Protein backbone atom coordinates (compact mmCIF):
# COMPACT_ATOMS: atom_id res chain seq x y z
CA MET A 1 2.39 8.61 -43.25
CA ASP A 2 3.12 8.16 -39.58
CA PRO A 3 3.49 4.38 -39.00
CA LEU A 4 2.33 4.83 -35.41
CA ASN A 5 -1.08 5.97 -36.68
CA VAL A 6 -1.66 3.12 -39.14
CA SER A 7 -4.53 0.86 -38.11
CA ARG A 8 -3.96 -2.89 -38.25
CA LEU A 9 -6.91 -4.61 -39.92
CA LEU A 10 -7.54 -8.36 -39.91
CA ILE A 11 -10.01 -9.64 -42.53
CA VAL A 12 -11.39 -13.16 -41.99
CA ASP A 13 -13.26 -14.60 -45.00
CA ASP A 14 -12.98 -17.83 -46.97
CA ASP A 15 -13.66 -16.07 -50.29
CA VAL A 16 -10.16 -15.37 -51.62
CA GLU A 17 -11.49 -13.02 -54.30
CA ILE A 18 -13.16 -10.84 -51.65
CA LEU A 19 -10.00 -10.96 -49.54
CA SER A 20 -7.88 -9.79 -52.47
CA LEU A 21 -10.24 -6.94 -53.34
CA LEU A 22 -10.60 -5.77 -49.75
CA LYS A 23 -6.88 -5.94 -49.08
CA LYS A 24 -6.15 -3.75 -52.10
CA PHE A 25 -8.91 -1.32 -51.13
CA PHE A 26 -7.88 -0.93 -47.48
CA LEU A 27 -4.19 -0.65 -48.30
CA GLN A 28 -5.15 2.36 -50.41
CA HIS A 29 -6.85 3.84 -47.34
CA ALA A 30 -3.85 3.65 -45.00
CA TYR A 31 -4.59 0.33 -43.28
CA GLU A 32 -2.10 -2.40 -42.53
CA VAL A 33 -3.96 -5.53 -43.68
CA GLU A 34 -3.70 -9.17 -42.58
CA LEU A 35 -5.83 -11.93 -44.11
CA ALA A 36 -7.22 -15.21 -42.77
CA THR A 37 -9.51 -17.77 -44.40
CA HIS A 38 -10.52 -19.72 -41.28
CA GLY A 39 -10.49 -19.61 -37.50
CA GLU A 40 -7.07 -21.11 -36.90
CA ALA A 41 -5.44 -18.58 -39.21
CA MET A 42 -7.37 -15.81 -37.46
CA TRP A 43 -6.03 -16.79 -34.02
CA ALA A 44 -2.50 -17.06 -35.39
CA ALA A 45 -2.77 -13.55 -36.85
CA ILE A 46 -4.13 -12.15 -33.57
CA GLU A 47 -1.31 -13.75 -31.58
CA GLN A 48 1.41 -12.64 -33.99
CA ASN A 49 0.31 -9.04 -34.50
CA ARG A 50 -2.79 -8.00 -32.56
CA PRO A 51 -5.11 -6.09 -34.92
CA ASP A 52 -6.90 -2.85 -34.10
CA ILE A 53 -10.10 -4.07 -35.73
CA ILE A 54 -11.44 -7.29 -37.29
CA ILE A 55 -13.74 -7.85 -40.27
CA LEU A 56 -15.25 -11.29 -39.68
CA ASP A 57 -17.41 -13.24 -42.13
CA LEU A 58 -20.33 -15.17 -40.64
CA MET A 59 -20.03 -18.19 -42.94
CA LEU A 60 -16.62 -19.84 -42.58
CA PRO A 61 -15.38 -23.41 -43.06
CA GLY A 62 -15.03 -25.27 -39.79
CA GLU A 63 -15.82 -23.00 -36.85
CA GLY A 64 -18.29 -20.33 -37.88
CA GLY A 65 -18.04 -16.59 -37.50
CA LEU A 66 -20.56 -16.34 -34.66
CA SER A 67 -18.60 -18.77 -32.50
CA LEU A 68 -15.32 -17.03 -33.33
CA CYS A 69 -16.86 -13.65 -32.54
CA GLN A 70 -17.98 -14.88 -29.13
CA LYS A 71 -14.51 -16.26 -28.31
CA VAL A 72 -12.70 -13.13 -29.47
CA ARG A 73 -15.00 -10.97 -27.40
CA ALA A 74 -14.50 -13.15 -24.32
CA GLN A 75 -10.73 -12.67 -24.54
CA THR A 76 -10.22 -9.20 -26.04
CA SER A 77 -11.86 -5.83 -26.67
CA ILE A 78 -10.85 -5.75 -30.36
CA PRO A 79 -13.73 -4.17 -32.33
CA ILE A 80 -15.48 -6.57 -34.73
CA VAL A 81 -17.51 -5.82 -37.86
CA MET A 82 -19.34 -8.91 -39.12
CA LEU A 83 -20.12 -9.72 -42.74
CA THR A 84 -23.03 -11.94 -43.67
CA ALA A 85 -24.62 -13.09 -46.91
CA MET A 86 -27.83 -13.62 -45.00
CA GLY A 87 -30.43 -10.92 -44.67
CA GLU A 88 -32.25 -12.45 -41.73
CA LEU A 89 -32.74 -10.11 -38.79
CA SER A 90 -32.12 -12.98 -36.36
CA ASP A 91 -28.56 -13.47 -37.65
CA ARG A 92 -27.73 -9.81 -37.09
CA ILE A 93 -29.24 -9.88 -33.62
CA VAL A 94 -27.24 -12.98 -32.66
CA GLY A 95 -24.08 -11.31 -33.92
CA LEU A 96 -24.69 -8.28 -31.71
CA GLU A 97 -25.57 -10.51 -28.77
CA LEU A 98 -22.24 -12.29 -29.14
CA GLY A 99 -20.29 -9.04 -29.11
CA ALA A 100 -20.02 -7.74 -32.68
CA ASP A 101 -19.81 -3.94 -32.90
CA ASP A 102 -21.49 -3.65 -36.29
CA TYR A 103 -22.52 -5.77 -39.27
CA LEU A 104 -22.87 -5.44 -43.03
CA THR A 105 -24.81 -7.68 -45.41
CA LYS A 106 -23.23 -8.95 -48.62
CA PRO A 107 -23.07 -7.72 -51.32
CA PHE A 108 -21.77 -4.37 -50.11
CA ASP A 109 -19.89 -1.34 -51.35
CA PRO A 110 -16.34 -1.28 -49.92
CA ARG A 111 -16.80 2.43 -49.26
CA GLU A 112 -19.69 1.67 -46.92
CA LEU A 113 -17.57 -0.96 -45.15
CA LEU A 114 -14.80 1.62 -44.77
CA ALA A 115 -17.27 4.11 -43.29
CA ARG A 116 -18.54 1.46 -40.86
CA LEU A 117 -14.99 0.59 -39.80
CA ARG A 118 -14.07 4.21 -39.22
CA ALA A 119 -17.24 4.78 -37.19
CA VAL A 120 -16.54 1.73 -35.02
CA GLN A 121 -12.94 2.86 -34.51
CA ARG A 122 -14.05 6.34 -33.51
CA ARG A 123 -16.39 4.84 -30.96
CA ALA A 124 -13.61 2.59 -29.74
CA GLY A 125 -11.46 5.67 -29.08
CA GLU A 126 -8.37 5.11 -31.18
CA LYS A 127 -5.18 6.15 -29.43
CA SER A 128 -3.75 9.52 -30.37
CA PRO A 129 -0.79 11.58 -29.11
CA GLY A 130 -1.39 12.82 -25.59
CA ARG A 131 -4.46 10.61 -25.13
CA GLU A 132 -2.90 8.78 -22.20
CA GLU A 133 -2.14 11.95 -20.26
CA ARG A 134 -5.59 11.97 -18.66
CA ARG A 135 -7.32 8.84 -17.52
CA PRO A 136 -10.78 9.71 -16.22
CA VAL A 137 -12.26 6.99 -14.07
CA ILE A 138 -16.01 6.85 -13.53
CA ALA A 139 -17.32 5.09 -10.42
CA PHE A 140 -20.81 3.71 -9.83
CA ALA A 141 -22.18 1.19 -7.33
CA GLY A 142 -18.65 -0.04 -6.53
CA TRP A 143 -17.72 -0.42 -10.20
CA HIS A 144 -14.93 1.57 -11.89
CA LEU A 145 -14.68 2.37 -15.59
CA ASP A 146 -11.36 3.70 -16.93
CA VAL A 147 -12.60 5.55 -20.00
CA THR A 148 -9.23 5.93 -21.73
CA ARG A 149 -8.11 2.35 -21.19
CA ARG A 150 -11.67 1.09 -21.73
CA GLU A 151 -11.32 -1.09 -18.64
CA LEU A 152 -14.26 -1.99 -16.43
CA ARG A 153 -13.58 -3.44 -12.98
CA SER A 154 -16.15 -5.00 -10.71
CA PRO A 155 -16.47 -4.10 -7.01
CA GLU A 156 -14.22 -7.13 -6.39
CA GLY A 157 -11.56 -5.75 -8.74
CA VAL A 158 -12.22 -8.24 -11.53
CA MET A 159 -11.69 -7.00 -15.09
CA ILE A 160 -14.89 -7.35 -17.13
CA PRO A 161 -14.45 -7.37 -20.93
CA LEU A 162 -16.77 -5.09 -22.90
CA SER A 163 -17.54 -4.99 -26.59
CA GLY A 164 -17.31 -1.62 -28.30
CA GLY A 165 -21.09 -1.31 -28.31
CA GLU A 166 -21.38 -2.20 -24.62
CA PHE A 167 -18.68 0.31 -23.71
CA ASP A 168 -20.36 3.09 -25.69
CA LEU A 169 -23.72 2.32 -24.12
CA LEU A 170 -22.32 2.25 -20.59
CA VAL A 171 -20.57 5.60 -21.12
CA VAL A 172 -23.85 7.14 -22.33
CA PHE A 173 -25.67 5.87 -19.24
CA LEU A 174 -22.91 7.16 -16.96
CA GLU A 175 -23.07 10.56 -18.64
CA HIS A 176 -26.86 10.72 -18.18
CA PRO A 177 -27.63 9.14 -14.77
CA GLN A 178 -31.15 9.25 -13.34
CA ARG A 179 -32.53 10.29 -16.72
CA ILE A 180 -34.93 8.41 -18.96
CA LEU A 181 -33.35 7.79 -22.37
CA THR A 182 -35.47 6.55 -25.25
CA ARG A 183 -34.20 3.92 -27.66
CA GLU A 184 -33.90 6.60 -30.35
CA GLN A 185 -31.80 8.78 -28.03
CA LEU A 186 -29.54 5.84 -27.19
CA ILE A 187 -29.02 5.10 -30.89
CA ASP A 188 -28.18 8.76 -31.57
CA LEU A 189 -25.80 9.01 -28.61
CA THR A 190 -23.96 5.75 -29.30
CA ARG A 191 -23.94 5.63 -33.10
CA GLY A 192 -24.77 9.11 -34.31
CA GLN A 193 -27.89 10.74 -35.68
CA GLY A 194 -29.38 9.24 -38.80
CA TYR A 195 -27.76 5.85 -38.22
CA ASP A 196 -29.78 3.13 -39.86
CA ALA A 197 -30.19 0.83 -36.87
CA PHE A 198 -33.14 -1.25 -35.78
CA ASP A 199 -34.57 -0.68 -32.31
CA ARG A 200 -33.90 -4.24 -31.16
CA SER A 201 -30.14 -3.64 -31.44
CA ILE A 202 -30.23 -1.30 -28.44
CA ASP A 203 -32.29 -3.79 -26.45
CA VAL A 204 -29.70 -6.46 -27.22
CA GLN A 205 -26.85 -4.23 -26.02
CA VAL A 206 -28.76 -3.31 -22.85
CA SER A 207 -29.39 -6.99 -22.16
CA ARG A 208 -25.70 -7.86 -22.62
CA LEU A 209 -24.61 -4.96 -20.41
CA ARG A 210 -27.07 -5.97 -17.70
CA ARG A 211 -25.67 -9.49 -17.62
CA LYS A 212 -22.25 -8.03 -16.89
CA ILE A 213 -23.01 -5.38 -14.25
CA GLU A 214 -26.29 -6.35 -12.61
CA PRO A 215 -26.30 -8.67 -9.57
CA ASP A 216 -29.46 -10.21 -11.05
CA SER A 217 -29.92 -9.39 -14.74
CA LYS A 218 -33.47 -10.78 -14.66
CA ARG A 219 -34.35 -8.18 -12.03
CA PRO A 220 -32.18 -5.24 -13.11
CA ASP A 221 -31.69 -2.39 -10.69
CA LEU A 222 -28.87 -0.34 -12.26
CA ILE A 223 -30.47 -0.13 -15.71
CA ARG A 224 -34.21 -0.01 -15.30
CA THR A 225 -36.74 -0.34 -18.08
CA VAL A 226 -39.23 2.52 -18.11
CA ARG A 227 -42.48 1.39 -19.64
CA ASN A 228 -43.28 3.31 -22.84
CA GLY A 229 -40.22 5.43 -22.12
CA GLY A 230 -36.92 3.62 -22.59
CA TYR A 231 -34.20 3.02 -20.00
CA MET A 232 -32.83 4.82 -16.95
CA PHE A 233 -29.47 4.37 -15.22
CA THR A 234 -30.23 4.63 -11.50
CA ALA A 235 -26.85 4.57 -9.74
CA LYS A 236 -25.00 7.62 -8.47
CA VAL A 237 -21.98 8.45 -10.61
CA SER A 238 -18.68 10.06 -9.59
CA ARG A 239 -15.49 10.88 -11.48
CA SER A 240 -11.85 10.84 -10.44
């Protein structure tokens, strides 16, 4: 095994039995695994050895998973998969709104969690040999997106953090400018055909993306809603 290609996984859950089982499982699937049972331990693990992806439980002692997810997303672009024992749709929506890339409801099969992690990592564009040789930059309305580095800069040159879902959605819009895309098409293009996602998840991601790139997110101009159609990215796009 090439140590340079091993993914660093941080699992945050207060259930030590689940932590033990997941650590054993992911070690068997070529992950380097760190464990944390609360927020403070999570931040210490991130500072000591920044993970490539985080599994974050919603229900934690002290500061909860939703708050931690929001803070991680505000400071980093590390992909996050949330775990929740709750089946309420509102909890999943809030998680996505706060920047989670995916979610899974307990109880779950570790194999499904592994598949979700791998899908999120593929969307996040894991580094591979030669990947840094080309760095396409996409420009629109004064904004610049470095696709390889996953860096979005505002017209003023300010770095704007994006979650994995927001990045994927923005890339899809930039690859299909001036075209109406339905919610189903956006799900297929960002998560793959046959993905079991609810329509509202795309609306949540669009709303989050608008708040970051629109001058007035309540009156969006770059990402317009097309009644009974879906969404359309209106800006001209260029590559360098």
